[in-house]
């Protein structure tokens, strides 16, 4: 892996000044993108490396931007960066130092921002901060309980949060979190970084993957003004509706929800199993119950995101009633 070229000075600016993401959520739901890895695979990329999609930040960044562009064209109004599995220890194993890794993390934001700027519509950028388990590359994010203290997890997460925040994303996506202890560590690491966050657990039923009651896990973010949304991702779509209701009740905040296809990941075999169950029409119920950031995760592609965007647009039209002027679709954009 060759070192990345020097990044441009300073953060990558948003396309135009306007609504903060938190203010946009107060006005209506926004469509998130889908799984970045499955879109990269559809583009012919090999993700068998332990760095997964993060490797392409250094080796083939044009593919990452193309994947973001595919989702923006499908109707996504929030793009999640390719930094989920990017970490200083992971890139150090490939011979990259702290500054080079920081440059790749900033590049992840710049690539999403470039796709957003070319979309022709206002699009926000969420910088992905995956859990410690993602760096293990063994499915650890679906178990949690790594044997590390909250303080140790906080020390692990802080350097990449600082690097991502320096690139000025619209929000940090603290995502696929399996454990309330790691959620606490992530929120501590993000405190004072100057960027709002959303907190999103991966769950099984009404519990985190580590087995904690979801209501208790969501409550970790209650009262934290830096957190603009709380919810779930990379879970079975059938677990999404009760989780949305629990998140709304436990925190009073907007809810973020982006389940996977419904297939299960078999870490031992390195393959997906089971049947897809993602239904874009389910988004109507999620929005009714408080969801304001709605999309898909693993194995949910641009076609499903386009269908989800159409569902939310149709729902907005039904709410407006006959004779109303057509609205801008789900999610108002920044006003410049």
Protein backbone atom coordinates (compact mmCIF):
# COMPACT_ATOMS: atom_id res chain seq x y z
CA UNK A 1 0.00 0.00 0.00
CA UNK A 2 1.54 3.27 -1.08
CA UNK A 3 1.28 6.34 1.15
CA UNK A 4 -1.51 8.74 0.20
CA UNK A 5 -0.64 12.03 -1.46
CA UNK A 6 -0.66 15.13 0.68
CA UNK A 7 -4.23 16.31 1.32
CA UNK A 8 -5.35 19.82 0.39
CA UNK A 9 -4.93 22.33 3.23
CA UNK A 10 -7.83 22.76 5.61
CA UNK A 11 -11.20 21.02 5.74
CA UNK A 12 -13.23 20.31 2.63
CA UNK A 13 -16.09 22.84 2.61
CA UNK A 14 -19.74 21.90 2.17
CA UNK A 15 -21.27 22.80 -1.20
CA UNK A 16 -23.13 25.80 0.20
CA UNK A 17 -23.98 27.32 3.56
CA UNK A 18 -27.43 26.54 4.82
CA UNK A 19 -29.37 24.38 7.23
CA UNK A 20 -27.48 22.43 9.82
CA UNK A 21 -28.38 18.76 9.70
CA UNK A 22 -30.09 18.96 13.09
CA UNK A 23 -32.32 21.78 11.84
CA UNK A 24 -33.16 19.84 8.68
CA UNK A 25 -34.26 16.86 10.76
CA UNK A 26 -36.72 19.08 12.59
CA UNK A 27 -38.40 19.77 9.25
CA UNK A 28 -38.74 16.23 7.95
CA UNK A 29 -37.05 12.89 7.26
CA UNK A 30 -33.89 12.55 5.21
CA UNK A 31 -32.89 9.55 3.12
CA UNK A 32 -29.58 7.91 4.01
CA UNK A 33 -27.51 5.85 1.60
CA UNK A 34 -27.14 2.06 1.66
CA UNK A 35 -24.26 -0.34 2.11
CA UNK A 36 -21.01 1.06 0.74
CA UNK A 37 -19.28 -2.32 0.58
CA UNK A 38 -21.95 -4.01 -1.55
CA UNK A 39 -21.91 -1.11 -4.00
CA UNK A 40 -18.12 -1.28 -4.24
CA UNK A 41 -18.38 -5.00 -4.91
CA UNK A 42 -20.99 -4.30 -7.59
CA UNK A 43 -18.41 -1.98 -9.16
CA UNK A 44 -15.95 -4.89 -9.30
CA UNK A 45 -13.83 -4.06 -6.23
CA UNK A 46 -12.14 -6.81 -4.23
CA UNK A 47 -12.88 -6.35 -0.52
CA UNK A 48 -11.30 -9.57 0.77
CA UNK A 49 -8.62 -7.57 2.58
CA UNK A 50 -8.96 -7.14 6.38
CA UNK A 51 -9.22 -3.37 5.83
CA UNK A 52 -12.33 -4.06 3.74
CA UNK A 53 -13.61 -0.96 1.95
CA UNK A 54 -11.16 1.28 3.87
CA UNK A 55 -8.29 -0.07 1.74
CA UNK A 56 -9.73 1.72 -1.28
CA UNK A 57 -9.25 5.09 0.40
CA UNK A 58 -5.57 4.64 -0.44
CA UNK A 59 -5.60 2.22 -3.38
CA UNK A 60 -8.57 3.34 -5.50
CA UNK A 61 -10.39 6.39 -4.10
CA UNK A 62 -12.23 7.01 -7.39
CA UNK A 63 -14.21 3.83 -6.72
CA UNK A 64 -15.28 5.15 -3.34
CA UNK A 65 -16.45 8.42 -4.85
CA UNK A 66 -18.31 6.51 -7.58
CA UNK A 67 -20.15 4.45 -4.94
CA UNK A 68 -21.18 7.61 -3.09
CA UNK A 69 -22.35 9.08 -6.40
CA UNK A 70 -24.52 6.02 -7.10
CA UNK A 71 -26.36 6.58 -3.83
CA UNK A 72 -26.74 10.32 -4.34
CA UNK A 73 -28.29 9.61 -7.74
CA UNK A 74 -30.64 7.11 -6.08
CA UNK A 75 -31.97 9.86 -3.82
CA UNK A 76 -29.77 9.66 -0.71
CA UNK A 77 -29.46 13.05 0.99
CA UNK A 78 -26.91 11.90 3.55
CA UNK A 79 -23.77 10.03 2.45
CA UNK A 80 -21.79 7.99 4.99
CA UNK A 81 -18.03 7.98 4.43
CA UNK A 82 -15.86 4.93 3.78
CA UNK A 83 -14.05 5.24 7.11
CA UNK A 84 -15.99 2.55 9.02
CA UNK A 85 -13.06 0.12 9.16
CA UNK A 86 -10.31 2.74 8.89
CA UNK A 87 -8.09 3.03 11.94
CA UNK A 88 -4.58 3.97 12.91
CA UNK A 89 -3.69 0.42 14.05
CA UNK A 90 -5.18 -1.07 10.87
CA UNK A 91 -3.21 1.17 8.53
CA UNK A 92 -0.11 0.87 10.72
CA UNK A 93 -0.08 -2.84 9.88
CA UNK A 94 0.28 -1.71 6.24
CA UNK A 95 3.20 0.56 7.03
CA UNK A 96 1.33 3.88 7.23
CA UNK A 97 2.05 6.32 10.06
CA UNK A 98 -0.23 8.61 12.03
CA UNK A 99 -0.11 11.52 9.58
CA UNK A 100 -0.71 9.29 6.56
CA UNK A 101 -3.68 7.63 8.24
CA UNK A 102 -5.07 11.02 9.25
CA UNK A 103 -4.82 12.04 5.58
CA UNK A 104 -6.82 8.96 4.52
CA UNK A 105 -9.49 9.64 7.11
CA UNK A 106 -9.80 13.22 5.87
CA UNK A 107 -9.88 11.90 2.30
CA UNK A 108 -12.92 9.76 3.17
CA UNK A 109 -14.83 12.95 3.96
CA UNK A 110 -13.54 14.73 0.85
CA UNK A 111 -14.68 11.87 -1.41
CA UNK A 112 -18.20 11.91 0.00
CA UNK A 113 -18.26 15.71 -0.18
CA UNK A 114 -17.23 15.60 -3.86
CA UNK A 115 -20.08 13.20 -4.66
CA UNK A 116 -22.46 15.38 -2.66
CA UNK A 117 -21.36 18.51 -4.50
CA UNK A 118 -22.02 16.91 -7.87
CA UNK A 119 -25.48 15.66 -6.91
CA UNK A 120 -27.44 18.71 -8.03
CA UNK A 121 -29.33 18.56 -4.72
CA UNK A 122 -28.23 19.47 -1.19
CA UNK A 123 -26.54 16.44 0.38
CA UNK A 124 -24.99 16.14 3.84
CA UNK A 125 -21.90 14.07 4.75
CA UNK A 126 -21.70 11.75 7.77
CA UNK A 127 -18.22 10.59 8.76
CA UNK A 128 -18.40 6.94 9.78
CA UNK A 129 -16.83 5.94 13.09
CA UNK A 130 -17.15 2.18 13.35
CA UNK A 131 -16.75 0.20 16.57
CA UNK A 132 -13.57 -1.40 17.87
CA UNK A 133 -14.93 -4.75 16.69
CA UNK A 134 -14.77 -3.64 13.06
CA UNK A 135 -11.00 -3.19 13.34
CA UNK A 136 -10.68 -6.80 14.52
CA UNK A 137 -12.13 -7.87 11.14
CA UNK A 138 -13.65 -10.97 12.74
CA UNK A 139 -17.27 -9.92 13.22
CA UNK A 140 -16.53 -8.56 16.68
CA UNK A 141 -19.01 -5.73 16.22
CA UNK A 142 -21.77 -8.32 16.38
CA UNK A 143 -20.64 -9.49 19.82
CA UNK A 144 -19.20 -6.54 21.73
CA UNK A 145 -17.65 -7.21 25.13
CA UNK A 146 -14.06 -6.95 23.88
CA UNK A 147 -12.48 -7.11 27.32
CA UNK A 148 -11.48 -3.43 27.19
CA UNK A 149 -12.47 -0.72 29.65
CA UNK A 150 -14.42 2.37 28.68
CA UNK A 151 -11.22 4.41 29.10
CA UNK A 152 -9.28 2.06 26.81
CA UNK A 153 -11.98 2.25 24.14
CA UNK A 154 -12.06 6.03 24.45
CA UNK A 155 -8.29 6.18 23.83
CA UNK A 156 -8.68 3.95 20.78
CA UNK A 157 -11.46 6.03 19.20
CA UNK A 158 -10.21 9.56 19.91
CA UNK A 159 -7.44 9.87 17.26
CA UNK A 160 -9.64 8.98 14.31
CA UNK A 161 -12.53 11.06 15.61
CA UNK A 162 -10.14 14.02 15.77
CA UNK A 163 -8.91 13.37 12.22
CA UNK A 164 -12.44 13.02 10.83
CA UNK A 165 -13.70 16.10 12.69
CA UNK A 166 -10.83 18.13 11.20
CA UNK A 167 -12.29 17.42 7.75
CA UNK A 168 -15.55 19.20 8.75
CA UNK A 169 -18.23 16.59 8.03
CA UNK A 170 -21.80 17.56 8.84
CA UNK A 171 -22.05 14.84 11.49
CA UNK A 172 -20.10 11.92 12.91
CA UNK A 173 -21.92 8.61 12.54
CA UNK A 174 -21.02 6.57 15.63
CA UNK A 175 -22.43 3.44 14.08
CA UNK A 176 -22.86 -0.31 14.44
CA UNK A 177 -22.12 0.00 18.16
CA UNK A 178 -22.73 -3.36 19.87
CA UNK A 179 -22.36 -2.32 23.49
CA UNK A 180 -23.54 0.56 25.69
CA UNK A 181 -20.07 0.74 27.27
CA UNK A 182 -18.54 1.42 23.85
CA UNK A 183 -21.26 4.00 23.19
CA UNK A 184 -20.17 5.79 26.35
CA UNK A 185 -16.54 5.65 25.20
CA UNK A 186 -17.41 7.00 21.75
CA UNK A 187 -19.40 9.89 23.19
CA UNK A 188 -16.54 10.76 25.51
CA UNK A 189 -14.06 10.64 22.63
CA UNK A 190 -16.27 12.89 20.50
CA UNK A 191 -16.96 15.45 23.22
CA UNK A 192 -15.58 18.84 22.30
CA UNK A 193 -14.67 17.88 18.71
CA UNK A 194 -16.96 20.57 17.30
CA UNK A 195 -19.08 18.22 15.18
CA UNK A 196 -22.52 16.82 16.07
CA UNK A 197 -22.95 13.04 16.23
CA UNK A 198 -25.54 10.37 15.82
CA UNK A 199 -25.36 7.17 17.86
CA UNK A 200 -26.53 3.96 16.25
CA UNK A 201 -26.49 0.49 17.80
CA UNK A 202 -26.50 -2.88 16.12
CA UNK A 203 -29.11 -4.96 17.89
CA UNK A 204 -30.78 -8.33 18.18
CA UNK A 205 -34.42 -7.98 19.16
CA UNK A 206 -34.74 -5.44 21.95
CA UNK A 207 -31.17 -5.78 23.16
CA UNK A 208 -27.75 -4.65 22.05
CA UNK A 209 -25.50 -7.33 20.61
CA UNK A 210 -23.79 -7.39 24.01
CA UNK A 211 -27.15 -8.20 25.62
CA UNK A 212 -28.07 -4.91 27.27
CA UNK A 213 -31.71 -3.71 27.20
CA UNK A 214 -32.08 -1.22 24.36
CA UNK A 215 -33.91 1.34 26.46
CA UNK A 216 -30.90 1.48 28.80
CA UNK A 217 -28.46 1.67 25.88
CA UNK A 218 -30.33 4.55 24.24
CA UNK A 219 -30.48 6.39 27.55
CA UNK A 220 -26.68 6.82 27.37
CA UNK A 221 -27.32 9.60 24.84
CA UNK A 222 -30.28 11.23 26.58
CA UNK A 223 -29.50 14.80 27.59
CA UNK A 224 -26.36 14.98 25.44
CA UNK A 225 -26.84 18.00 23.19
CA UNK A 226 -24.07 16.91 20.83
CA UNK A 227 -26.19 13.88 19.85
CA UNK A 228 -28.68 14.87 17.16
CA UNK A 229 -30.13 11.39 16.55
CA UNK A 230 -30.16 7.96 18.18
CA UNK A 231 -31.15 4.62 16.71
CA UNK A 232 -30.06 1.38 15.06
CA UNK A 233 -28.26 0.11 11.99
CA UNK A 234 -26.94 -3.16 10.57
CA UNK A 235 -29.74 -5.13 12.18
CA UNK A 236 -32.54 -7.30 10.88
CA UNK A 237 -35.19 -5.00 9.32
CA UNK A 238 -37.81 -6.77 11.44
CA UNK A 239 -36.09 -5.42 14.58
CA UNK A 240 -36.17 -1.84 13.31
CA UNK A 241 -39.73 -0.77 14.19
CA UNK A 242 -39.63 -1.61 17.92
CA UNK A 243 -36.13 -0.11 18.17
CA UNK A 244 -37.32 3.16 16.62
CA UNK A 245 -40.10 3.42 19.18
CA UNK A 246 -37.74 2.64 22.06
CA UNK A 247 -35.16 5.20 20.89
CA UNK A 248 -37.76 7.93 20.58
CA UNK A 249 -39.19 7.21 24.03
CA UNK A 250 -35.84 6.85 25.79
CA UNK A 251 -34.23 10.02 24.43
CA UNK A 252 -36.86 12.33 22.92
CA UNK A 253 -34.43 12.81 20.00
CA UNK A 254 -34.88 12.22 16.26
CA UNK A 255 -34.27 8.58 15.39
CA UNK A 256 -31.81 7.17 12.85
CA UNK A 257 -32.57 3.76 11.35
CA UNK A 258 -30.76 1.89 8.58
CA UNK A 259 -31.07 -1.90 8.85
CA UNK A 260 -29.28 -4.38 6.64
CA UNK A 261 -30.98 -6.62 4.08
CA UNK A 262 -32.06 -9.12 6.71
CA UNK A 263 -29.47 -11.68 5.76
CA UNK A 264 -27.06 -12.75 8.49
CA UNK A 265 -23.28 -12.50 8.38
CA UNK A 266 -21.49 -15.79 9.08
CA UNK A 267 -18.05 -14.62 10.27
CA UNK A 268 -16.64 -18.16 10.30
CA UNK A 269 -17.52 -18.72 6.64
CA UNK A 270 -17.09 -15.10 5.60
CA UNK A 271 -20.44 -15.17 3.80
CA UNK A 272 -24.04 -13.95 4.06
CA UNK A 273 -26.83 -16.40 4.77
CA UNK A 274 -30.63 -16.34 4.89
CA UNK A 275 -33.24 -14.39 2.96
CA UNK A 276 -33.44 -10.65 2.31
CA UNK A 277 -36.24 -8.91 4.21
CA UNK A 278 -35.58 -5.20 3.61
CA UNK A 279 -38.87 -3.56 2.58
CA UNK A 280 -38.73 0.14 1.62
CA UNK A 281 -42.43 0.46 2.49
CA UNK A 282 -41.57 -0.18 6.16
CA UNK A 283 -40.03 3.29 6.25
CA UNK A 284 -43.52 4.78 6.52
CA UNK A 285 -43.94 3.17 9.95
CA UNK A 286 -40.44 4.16 11.06
CA UNK A 287 -41.07 7.80 10.13
CA UNK A 288 -44.48 7.76 11.82
CA UNK A 289 -42.78 6.62 15.04
CA UNK A 290 -40.01 9.22 15.02
CA UNK A 291 -37.37 8.24 12.45
CA UNK A 292 -35.80 11.22 10.67
CA UNK A 293 -32.71 9.59 9.13
CA UNK A 294 -33.78 6.53 7.16
CA UNK A 295 -31.71 4.27 4.90
CA UNK A 296 -30.07 0.88 4.59
CA UNK A 297 -26.89 -0.87 5.61
CA UNK A 298 -25.17 -4.05 4.35
CA UNK A 299 -26.63 -5.58 1.17
CA UNK A 300 -29.03 -2.66 0.65
CA UNK A 301 -28.10 -1.02 -2.64
CA UNK A 302 -29.04 2.00 -4.76
CA UNK A 303 -32.17 0.33 -6.12
CA UNK A 304 -33.56 -0.15 -2.61
CA UNK A 305 -32.59 3.38 -1.59
CA UNK A 306 -34.34 4.77 -4.67
CA UNK A 307 -37.47 2.81 -3.71
CA UNK A 308 -37.23 4.05 -0.13
CA UNK A 309 -36.87 7.67 -1.32
CA UNK A 310 -39.96 7.20 -3.51
CA UNK A 311 -41.90 5.82 -0.53
CA UNK A 312 -41.03 8.80 1.65
CA UNK A 313 -41.81 11.26 -1.14
CA UNK A 314 -45.20 9.61 -1.68
CA UNK A 315 -45.86 9.76 2.06
CA UNK A 316 -45.02 13.48 2.11
CA UNK A 317 -47.46 14.08 -0.75
CA UNK A 318 -50.22 12.15 1.03
CA UNK A 319 -49.67 14.25 4.16
CA UNK A 320 -49.83 17.45 2.14
CA UNK A 321 -53.22 16.40 0.79
CA UNK A 322 -54.88 17.02 -2.56
CA UNK A 323 -54.23 20.34 -4.21
CA UNK A 324 -51.08 21.10 -2.24
CA UNK A 325 -48.03 22.37 -4.01
CA UNK A 326 -45.49 19.58 -4.61
CA UNK A 327 -42.77 19.62 -1.97
CA UNK A 328 -39.05 19.04 -2.41
CA UNK A 329 -39.38 15.38 -1.41
CA UNK A 330 -38.06 13.83 1.79
CA UNK A 331 -35.68 16.10 3.59
CA UNK A 332 -35.35 19.83 2.96
CA UNK A 333 -31.93 20.88 1.78
CA UNK A 334 -29.58 23.58 3.00
CA UNK A 335 -30.76 27.03 2.10
CA UNK A 336 -27.89 29.00 0.61
